[in-house]
Amino acid sequence: MRLYLMTALAGLTLAACTPAPSPAPAPEPAAAETPAAPRTLTFADGSLFPEGRTLTRPESGVVLTDGTVVVVDQVNGLTAIAPDGAISPFGNFSAAGFTHAPPENPSGPNGVAFEPDGRHLLTADVFTGSLWRTDTETGTTSKIYQHPFGINYAHRDSTGAIWFTQSTENAPPGSDARLFAALDQPLTDGKLFRIPPAADGAPLPAPQEVLTGLQFANGFTIDETRGKLFIAETVAGHILSYSVDLATGALTDRAVLANMVSPDNVEPGPDGTLWVASPMSNQVLAINPETGETRVAFTAQTEAGTAVIAEYARRGEAGEPRSELLGPDVWAPMPGLVTGVIHTPGGGPVYVSGLGDALLKIEAAE
């Protein structure tokens, strides 16, 4: 401050003894900087995790506060992967009656999500219709509901209501075959259900049909701040948007937010967009929930895979079966079909999940 005052006084003295200079031209306004476009992550940015590739159908997952990743697992129900890659069964599903008995009655843990308390997990079984609740602190699990058909994904909102999708009317035995048949050609038996909140200690009320006539209802998310529900209709190829009344479960203002190939799991991204997996494209797309503007957030697409997508689209328009197109050309170099993405809360690794035997771990998404 002292130096500043001395300099200022000297300037005033000089100005009193010399003519005032001509005013300097006004500086040109600085050009506004254009924000850098978000980077598209690729297979080369990550590594397979865990290294032993010992998972079984890790469709989706969550990250615990200590960095442990918990994924659905067809054999264990849930499997925990420690930061160092060590794996172990999680939740003691067998004690709760969970079984995996292929080929007649395979299990299909498919969608897992935290409840609002940040402690409990809901796991939906897409083959058996079982809905499991796991306490992450005690490591125990109980079956809280049994649906007559498979449950793809379940979510508990802040009121205590549980929402879940039925992709199609698939029930054991042969549940898995019916599920894949519903992916092959359009069927309109997909539904979204809501189980109203239950009083403490009371059994869950009967579920209510909220949406019907969907072509393979899949992943969804509820944005309570916006008052919106976003749901993937896989075979129809779009993400639907609804205004949601959490108190009543009413859905209004139906709109197609975005069109895309085979949308699967829908996850809120750290940038405020919806990250939606596209198994047939071998990609994850980020969708602006307000405008529907879409960009590729992750890609492992190859030239061979691109050719399959074109044939997939042609057959869809012609009403021809498409299941025979599924093969390594679709998901290579990934270990299996891409079905979702798992974000580490607060930043950290991003994991791309799928129907193979490992995740793709990307250390930094920036």
Protein backbone atom coordinates (compact mmCIF):
# COMPACT_ATOMS: atom_id res chain seq x y z
CA MET A 1 0.00 0.00 0.00
CA ARG A 2 2.89 2.40 0.86
CA LEU A 3 4.51 1.82 -2.53
CA TYR A 4 1.19 2.45 -4.23
CA LEU A 5 0.76 5.86 -2.43
CA MET A 6 4.30 6.99 -3.29
CA THR A 7 3.81 6.10 -6.92
CA ALA A 8 0.49 7.92 -7.02
CA LEU A 9 1.96 11.13 -5.47
CA ALA A 10 4.84 11.09 -7.93
CA GLY A 11 2.39 10.80 -10.75
CA LEU A 12 0.38 13.76 -9.51
CA THR A 13 3.51 15.95 -9.21
CA LEU A 14 4.60 15.08 -12.73
CA ALA A 15 1.15 15.83 -14.08
CA ALA A 16 1.24 19.32 -12.52
CA CYS A 17 4.50 20.20 -14.36
CA THR A 18 3.78 18.74 -17.81
CA PRO A 19 0.99 18.98 -20.33
CA ALA A 20 -1.72 16.36 -19.96
CA PRO A 21 -1.19 13.52 -22.41
CA SER A 22 -3.81 12.60 -24.98
CA PRO A 23 -6.17 9.96 -23.64
CA ALA A 24 -5.17 6.42 -24.59
CA PRO A 25 -7.55 4.54 -26.87
CA ALA A 26 -9.98 2.31 -25.02
CA PRO A 27 -8.82 -1.33 -24.99
CA GLU A 28 -10.67 -3.76 -27.16
CA PRO A 29 -13.08 -5.89 -25.10
CA ALA A 30 -11.67 -9.34 -24.43
CA ALA A 31 -13.29 -12.08 -26.43
CA ALA A 32 -15.39 -14.38 -24.29
CA GLU A 33 -13.77 -17.76 -23.83
CA THR A 34 -15.75 -20.67 -25.21
CA PRO A 35 -15.99 -23.46 -22.63
CA ALA A 36 -14.13 -26.57 -23.72
CA ALA A 37 -16.42 -29.33 -24.92
CA PRO A 38 -16.59 -32.32 -22.54
CA ARG A 39 -14.18 -35.06 -23.55
CA THR A 40 -15.49 -38.33 -24.92
CA LEU A 41 -14.05 -41.22 -22.93
CA THR A 42 -12.87 -44.28 -24.83
CA PHE A 43 -11.87 -47.87 -24.16
CA ALA A 44 -8.22 -46.82 -24.36
CA ASP A 45 -8.73 -44.50 -21.36
CA GLY A 46 -9.44 -47.39 -19.01
CA SER A 47 -8.45 -50.87 -17.93
CA LEU A 48 -10.45 -53.99 -17.15
CA PHE A 49 -11.34 -54.27 -13.48
CA PRO A 50 -10.80 -56.51 -11.61
CA GLU A 51 -7.83 -57.93 -13.46
CA GLY A 52 -8.92 -61.54 -12.91
CA ARG A 53 -12.20 -60.96 -14.81
CA THR A 54 -14.14 -63.02 -12.27
CA LEU A 55 -17.48 -61.20 -12.30
CA THR A 56 -20.68 -62.68 -13.68
CA ARG A 57 -23.01 -60.30 -15.53
CA PRO A 58 -22.18 -57.04 -13.68
CA GLU A 59 -25.07 -55.10 -15.25
CA SER A 60 -24.94 -52.18 -12.80
CA GLY A 61 -23.42 -51.08 -9.51
CA VAL A 62 -22.74 -48.43 -6.88
CA VAL A 63 -19.67 -47.10 -5.05
CA LEU A 64 -19.46 -47.16 -1.25
CA THR A 65 -17.84 -44.37 0.77
CA ASP A 66 -14.54 -46.28 1.08
CA GLY A 67 -14.26 -46.68 -2.70
CA THR A 68 -15.52 -50.26 -2.79
CA VAL A 69 -17.58 -50.97 -5.89
CA VAL A 70 -20.65 -53.17 -5.38
CA VAL A 71 -22.06 -54.73 -8.54
CA VAL A 72 -24.88 -57.12 -9.27
CA ASP A 73 -23.63 -60.65 -9.83
CA GLN A 74 -25.60 -63.56 -11.23
CA VAL A 75 -23.98 -66.06 -8.86
CA ASN A 76 -23.68 -64.03 -5.62
CA GLY A 77 -26.53 -61.54 -5.89
CA LEU A 78 -24.10 -58.72 -5.18
CA THR A 79 -20.30 -58.74 -5.32
CA ALA A 80 -17.93 -56.23 -3.68
CA ILE A 81 -14.74 -55.16 -5.43
CA ALA A 82 -12.22 -53.48 -3.12
CA PRO A 83 -10.07 -50.63 -4.48
CA ASP A 84 -7.16 -53.08 -4.83
CA GLY A 85 -9.32 -55.41 -6.97
CA ALA A 86 -10.04 -58.07 -4.33
CA ILE A 87 -13.57 -59.45 -4.69
CA SER A 88 -16.00 -61.08 -2.30
CA PRO A 89 -19.74 -61.85 -2.13
CA PHE A 90 -21.69 -58.96 -0.61
CA GLY A 91 -24.92 -58.94 1.37
CA ASN A 92 -25.12 -62.66 2.23
CA PHE A 93 -27.84 -63.26 -0.37
CA SER A 94 -27.80 -67.03 0.10
CA ALA A 95 -29.05 -66.62 3.69
CA ALA A 96 -32.03 -64.69 2.32
CA GLY A 97 -32.98 -67.53 -0.03
CA PHE A 98 -31.23 -66.37 -3.19
CA THR A 99 -30.40 -69.17 -5.63
CA HIS A 100 -28.97 -69.41 -9.11
CA ALA A 101 -30.04 -72.65 -10.81
CA PRO A 102 -29.28 -72.60 -14.52
CA PRO A 103 -30.31 -73.60 -17.09
CA GLU A 104 -33.91 -74.07 -15.91
CA ASN A 105 -34.08 -71.28 -13.33
CA PRO A 106 -31.22 -68.81 -13.61
CA SER A 107 -31.16 -65.74 -11.43
CA GLY A 108 -30.76 -62.32 -12.97
CA PRO A 109 -29.71 -59.57 -10.53
CA ASN A 110 -29.93 -56.61 -12.85
CA GLY A 111 -30.41 -53.17 -11.33
CA VAL A 112 -29.00 -51.98 -8.00
CA ALA A 113 -29.48 -48.54 -6.45
CA PHE A 114 -29.05 -46.76 -3.14
CA GLU A 115 -32.14 -45.80 -1.19
CA PRO A 116 -32.34 -42.14 -0.08
CA ASP A 117 -30.79 -43.03 3.30
CA GLY A 118 -27.49 -43.86 1.57
CA ARG A 119 -27.29 -47.07 3.57
CA HIS A 120 -29.66 -49.57 1.97
CA LEU A 121 -29.57 -50.99 -1.54
CA LEU A 122 -32.42 -52.27 -3.70
CA THR A 123 -31.54 -55.06 -6.13
CA ALA A 124 -33.99 -56.13 -8.84
CA ASP A 125 -33.92 -59.58 -10.47
CA VAL A 126 -34.88 -59.46 -14.15
CA PHE A 127 -35.35 -63.26 -14.41
CA THR A 128 -37.10 -64.18 -11.14
CA GLY A 129 -38.97 -60.98 -10.20
CA SER A 130 -37.44 -60.88 -6.71
CA LEU A 131 -36.74 -57.52 -5.08
CA TRP A 132 -33.96 -57.59 -2.49
CA ARG A 133 -32.99 -55.01 0.16
CA THR A 134 -29.43 -54.98 1.51
CA ASP A 135 -28.10 -53.17 4.58
CA THR A 136 -24.58 -52.08 3.62
CA GLU A 137 -23.59 -51.61 7.28
CA THR A 138 -24.59 -55.07 8.53
CA GLY A 139 -24.04 -56.92 5.25
CA THR A 140 -27.46 -58.58 5.43
CA THR A 141 -30.19 -58.94 2.81
CA SER A 142 -33.92 -59.69 2.81
CA LYS A 143 -36.43 -60.24 0.03
CA ILE A 144 -39.09 -57.54 0.35
CA TYR A 145 -41.28 -58.26 -2.68
CA GLN A 146 -41.94 -60.97 -5.26
CA HIS A 147 -43.30 -59.89 -8.65
CA PRO A 148 -44.92 -62.42 -11.02
CA PHE A 149 -42.56 -61.31 -13.80
CA GLY A 150 -38.97 -60.11 -13.94
CA ILE A 151 -38.04 -56.73 -12.44
CA ASN A 152 -35.47 -54.79 -14.42
CA TYR A 153 -34.69 -51.87 -12.07
CA ALA A 154 -36.08 -50.47 -8.80
CA HIS A 155 -35.80 -47.08 -7.11
CA ARG A 156 -37.08 -45.76 -3.78
CA ASP A 157 -37.98 -42.06 -3.75
CA SER A 158 -37.84 -39.61 -0.82
CA THR A 159 -41.45 -40.38 0.19
CA GLY A 160 -40.60 -44.06 0.68
CA ALA A 161 -42.43 -45.23 -2.43
CA ILE A 162 -40.69 -47.89 -4.54
CA TRP A 163 -40.83 -47.69 -8.35
CA PHE A 164 -39.82 -50.56 -10.62
CA THR A 165 -39.88 -51.59 -14.27
CA GLN A 166 -41.20 -54.81 -15.76
CA SER A 167 -39.52 -55.19 -19.14
CA THR A 168 -41.89 -57.91 -20.35
CA GLU A 169 -44.09 -60.72 -19.01
CA ASN A 170 -41.26 -63.16 -18.36
CA ALA A 171 -41.59 -65.72 -15.58
CA PRO A 172 -39.66 -68.88 -14.64
CA PRO A 173 -39.10 -71.37 -16.11
CA GLY A 174 -37.89 -69.97 -19.40
CA SER A 175 -37.84 -66.42 -18.06
CA ASP A 176 -34.54 -65.58 -19.75
CA ALA A 177 -35.72 -66.84 -23.16
CA ARG A 178 -38.87 -64.68 -22.97
CA LEU A 179 -36.81 -61.66 -21.96
CA PHE A 180 -34.57 -61.95 -25.00
CA ALA A 181 -37.60 -62.57 -27.22
CA ALA A 182 -38.96 -59.20 -26.09
CA LEU A 183 -35.71 -57.60 -27.23
CA ASP A 184 -35.91 -59.33 -30.60
CA GLN A 185 -39.22 -57.92 -31.82
CA PRO A 186 -41.55 -55.28 -30.36
CA LEU A 187 -43.85 -56.38 -27.54
CA THR A 188 -45.98 -53.90 -25.59
CA ASP A 189 -46.13 -55.62 -22.20
CA GLY A 190 -43.49 -53.45 -20.53
CA LYS A 191 -44.72 -51.54 -17.46
CA LEU A 192 -43.70 -49.16 -14.70
CA PHE A 193 -45.06 -49.87 -11.20
CA ARG A 194 -45.15 -47.92 -7.96
CA ILE A 195 -45.44 -49.42 -4.48
CA PRO A 196 -46.85 -46.71 -2.17
CA PRO A 197 -45.00 -45.93 1.07
CA ALA A 198 -45.65 -48.36 3.91
CA ALA A 199 -46.07 -47.47 7.57
CA ASP A 200 -43.18 -48.47 9.82
CA GLY A 201 -43.24 -52.22 10.33
CA ALA A 202 -46.18 -52.73 7.98
CA PRO A 203 -45.97 -54.94 4.88
CA LEU A 204 -45.55 -53.25 1.51
CA PRO A 205 -48.84 -52.29 -0.19
CA ALA A 206 -49.72 -53.86 -3.52
CA PRO A 207 -47.95 -52.23 -6.49
CA GLN A 208 -49.88 -49.91 -8.79
CA GLU A 209 -49.46 -49.83 -12.56
CA VAL A 210 -48.24 -46.36 -13.47
CA LEU A 211 -47.26 -46.86 -17.13
CA THR A 212 -48.31 -49.64 -19.49
CA GLY A 213 -47.79 -50.54 -23.14
CA LEU A 214 -44.03 -49.97 -23.10
CA GLN A 215 -41.70 -51.74 -25.55
CA PHE A 216 -39.23 -53.20 -23.06
CA ALA A 217 -39.24 -50.85 -20.07
CA ASN A 218 -35.69 -50.58 -18.79
CA GLY A 219 -33.67 -48.23 -16.58
CA PHE A 220 -35.08 -45.00 -15.20
CA THR A 221 -34.27 -42.18 -12.81
CA ILE A 222 -36.35 -39.70 -10.83
CA ASP A 223 -35.07 -36.13 -10.68
CA GLU A 224 -36.91 -34.82 -7.64
CA THR A 225 -35.49 -31.31 -8.02
CA ARG A 226 -36.96 -30.97 -11.51
CA GLY A 227 -40.03 -33.05 -10.67
CA LYS A 228 -39.27 -35.35 -13.60
CA LEU A 229 -39.06 -39.07 -14.28
CA PHE A 230 -36.92 -40.28 -17.20
CA ILE A 231 -37.30 -43.85 -18.46
CA ALA A 232 -35.67 -45.90 -21.21
CA GLU A 233 -37.95 -47.72 -23.64
CA THR A 234 -35.34 -49.98 -25.21
CA VAL A 235 -37.02 -51.50 -28.25
CA ALA A 236 -38.83 -48.26 -29.16
CA GLY A 237 -35.42 -46.56 -29.03
CA HIS A 238 -36.08 -43.50 -26.93
CA ILE A 239 -35.93 -41.85 -23.51
CA LEU A 240 -39.32 -40.72 -22.24
CA SER A 241 -39.80 -37.77 -19.91
CA TYR A 242 -42.72 -37.27 -17.49
CA SER A 243 -43.64 -34.76 -14.83
CA VAL A 244 -44.01 -36.72 -11.59
CA ASP A 245 -46.11 -36.04 -8.50
CA LEU A 246 -44.29 -37.92 -5.76
CA ALA A 247 -47.19 -37.64 -3.32
CA THR A 248 -49.62 -39.46 -5.61
CA GLY A 249 -47.40 -41.18 -8.15
CA ALA A 250 -49.19 -39.46 -11.03
CA LEU A 251 -47.22 -39.03 -14.25
CA THR A 252 -48.16 -36.30 -16.76
CA ASP A 253 -46.67 -34.31 -19.65
CA ARG A 254 -45.32 -37.30 -21.57
CA ALA A 255 -42.58 -36.34 -24.03
CA VAL A 256 -39.83 -38.06 -25.97
CA LEU A 257 -36.70 -36.45 -24.57
CA ALA A 258 -34.27 -38.15 -26.97
CA ASN A 259 -34.09 -40.90 -29.56
CA MET A 260 -31.20 -43.37 -29.46
CA VAL A 261 -30.33 -46.98 -30.23
CA SER A 262 -31.23 -49.51 -27.50
CA PRO A 263 -31.24 -47.29 -24.37
CA ASP A 264 -30.56 -49.29 -21.21
CA ASN A 265 -29.59 -48.00 -17.75
CA VAL A 266 -30.19 -44.30 -17.00
CA GLU A 267 -27.91 -42.63 -14.45
CA PRO A 268 -27.59 -38.98 -13.36
CA GLY A 269 -24.16 -37.75 -14.39
CA PRO A 270 -21.91 -35.41 -12.40
CA ASP A 271 -22.38 -32.73 -15.06
CA GLY A 272 -26.16 -32.65 -14.64
CA THR A 273 -26.85 -34.75 -17.73
CA LEU A 274 -28.38 -38.22 -17.95
CA TRP A 275 -25.82 -40.91 -18.80
CA VAL A 276 -27.60 -43.63 -20.78
CA ALA A 277 -25.97 -46.86 -21.95
CA SER A 278 -26.53 -48.11 -25.50
CA PRO A 279 -25.56 -51.81 -25.71
CA MET A 280 -25.93 -52.07 -29.49
CA SER A 281 -23.85 -48.92 -30.05
CA ASN A 282 -21.20 -49.93 -27.49
CA GLN A 283 -21.49 -46.43 -26.08
CA VAL A 284 -22.81 -44.31 -23.23
CA LEU A 285 -24.59 -41.10 -24.20
CA ALA A 286 -25.01 -37.95 -22.09
CA ILE A 287 -28.42 -36.30 -22.56
CA ASN A 288 -29.39 -32.80 -21.44
CA PRO A 289 -32.57 -33.37 -19.34
CA GLU A 290 -33.97 -29.98 -20.36
CA THR A 291 -33.35 -29.97 -24.11
CA GLY A 292 -32.62 -33.55 -25.11
CA GLU A 293 -29.31 -32.48 -26.64
CA THR A 294 -27.11 -35.56 -26.81
CA ARG A 295 -23.38 -36.22 -26.93
CA VAL A 296 -21.24 -39.35 -26.72
CA ALA A 297 -19.81 -39.61 -23.21
CA PHE A 298 -18.06 -42.97 -23.73
CA THR A 299 -17.44 -45.08 -26.80
CA ALA A 300 -15.88 -48.42 -27.62
CA GLN A 301 -17.50 -48.56 -31.04
CA THR A 302 -15.60 -50.21 -33.89
CA GLU A 303 -16.06 -50.27 -37.65
CA ALA A 304 -17.52 -53.77 -37.44
CA GLY A 305 -19.89 -52.64 -34.71
CA THR A 306 -21.04 -49.68 -36.76
CA ALA A 307 -22.02 -52.05 -39.56
CA VAL A 308 -24.08 -54.12 -37.11
CA ILE A 309 -25.92 -50.99 -35.93
CA ALA A 310 -26.94 -50.20 -39.51
CA GLU A 311 -28.34 -53.69 -39.97
CA TYR A 312 -30.02 -53.52 -36.56
CA ALA A 313 -31.81 -50.33 -37.60
CA ARG A 314 -32.82 -51.79 -40.98
CA ARG A 315 -34.29 -54.91 -39.41
CA GLY A 316 -36.11 -52.84 -36.83
CA GLU A 317 -37.80 -50.77 -39.52
CA ALA A 318 -38.67 -53.93 -41.48
CA GLY A 319 -40.00 -55.75 -38.40
CA GLU A 320 -37.41 -58.53 -38.79
CA PRO A 321 -35.81 -60.47 -35.89
CA ARG A 322 -32.56 -58.97 -34.63
CA SER A 323 -31.26 -61.26 -31.88
CA GLU A 324 -28.88 -63.10 -34.20
CA LEU A 325 -26.94 -59.86 -34.61
CA LEU A 326 -25.71 -60.06 -31.02
CA GLY A 327 -22.11 -61.20 -30.93
CA PRO A 328 -18.55 -60.04 -30.23
CA ASP A 329 -18.67 -57.53 -33.10
CA VAL A 330 -21.25 -55.58 -31.09
CA TRP A 331 -19.31 -55.27 -27.83
CA ALA A 332 -15.61 -55.76 -28.71
CA PRO A 333 -13.22 -54.67 -27.25
CA MET A 334 -15.42 -54.52 -24.15
CA PRO A 335 -15.83 -57.78 -22.17
CA GLY A 336 -19.59 -57.82 -22.88
CA LEU A 337 -22.57 -55.69 -23.86
CA VAL A 338 -22.36 -52.19 -22.33
CA THR A 339 -25.33 -51.65 -20.01
CA GLY A 340 -24.46 -48.80 -17.66
CA VAL A 341 -22.00 -46.49 -16.00
CA ILE A 342 -21.06 -46.18 -12.32
CA HIS A 343 -19.87 -42.78 -11.07
CA THR A 344 -17.81 -42.38 -7.91
CA PRO A 345 -19.56 -39.74 -5.74
CA GLY A 346 -17.48 -36.60 -5.36
CA GLY A 347 -15.25 -37.48 -8.30
CA GLY A 348 -12.91 -40.36 -8.87
CA PRO A 349 -13.01 -43.39 -11.14
CA VAL A 350 -15.83 -44.01 -13.59
CA TYR A 351 -16.78 -47.62 -14.27
CA VAL A 352 -18.51 -48.85 -17.42
CA SER A 353 -20.62 -51.91 -16.61
CA GLY A 354 -22.03 -54.65 -18.80
CA LEU A 355 -22.91 -58.28 -19.33
CA GLY A 356 -19.36 -59.62 -19.39
CA ASP A 357 -16.95 -60.67 -16.65
CA ALA A 358 -15.35 -57.33 -15.75
CA LEU A 359 -15.87 -53.58 -15.61
CA LEU A 360 -13.90 -50.96 -17.49
CA LYS A 361 -12.31 -48.65 -14.93
CA ILE A 362 -11.44 -45.12 -16.06
CA GLU A 363 -9.35 -43.35 -13.44
CA ALA A 364 -10.19 -39.75 -14.41
CA ALA A 365 -13.15 -38.55 -16.44
CA GLU A 366 -11.81 -35.01 -16.92
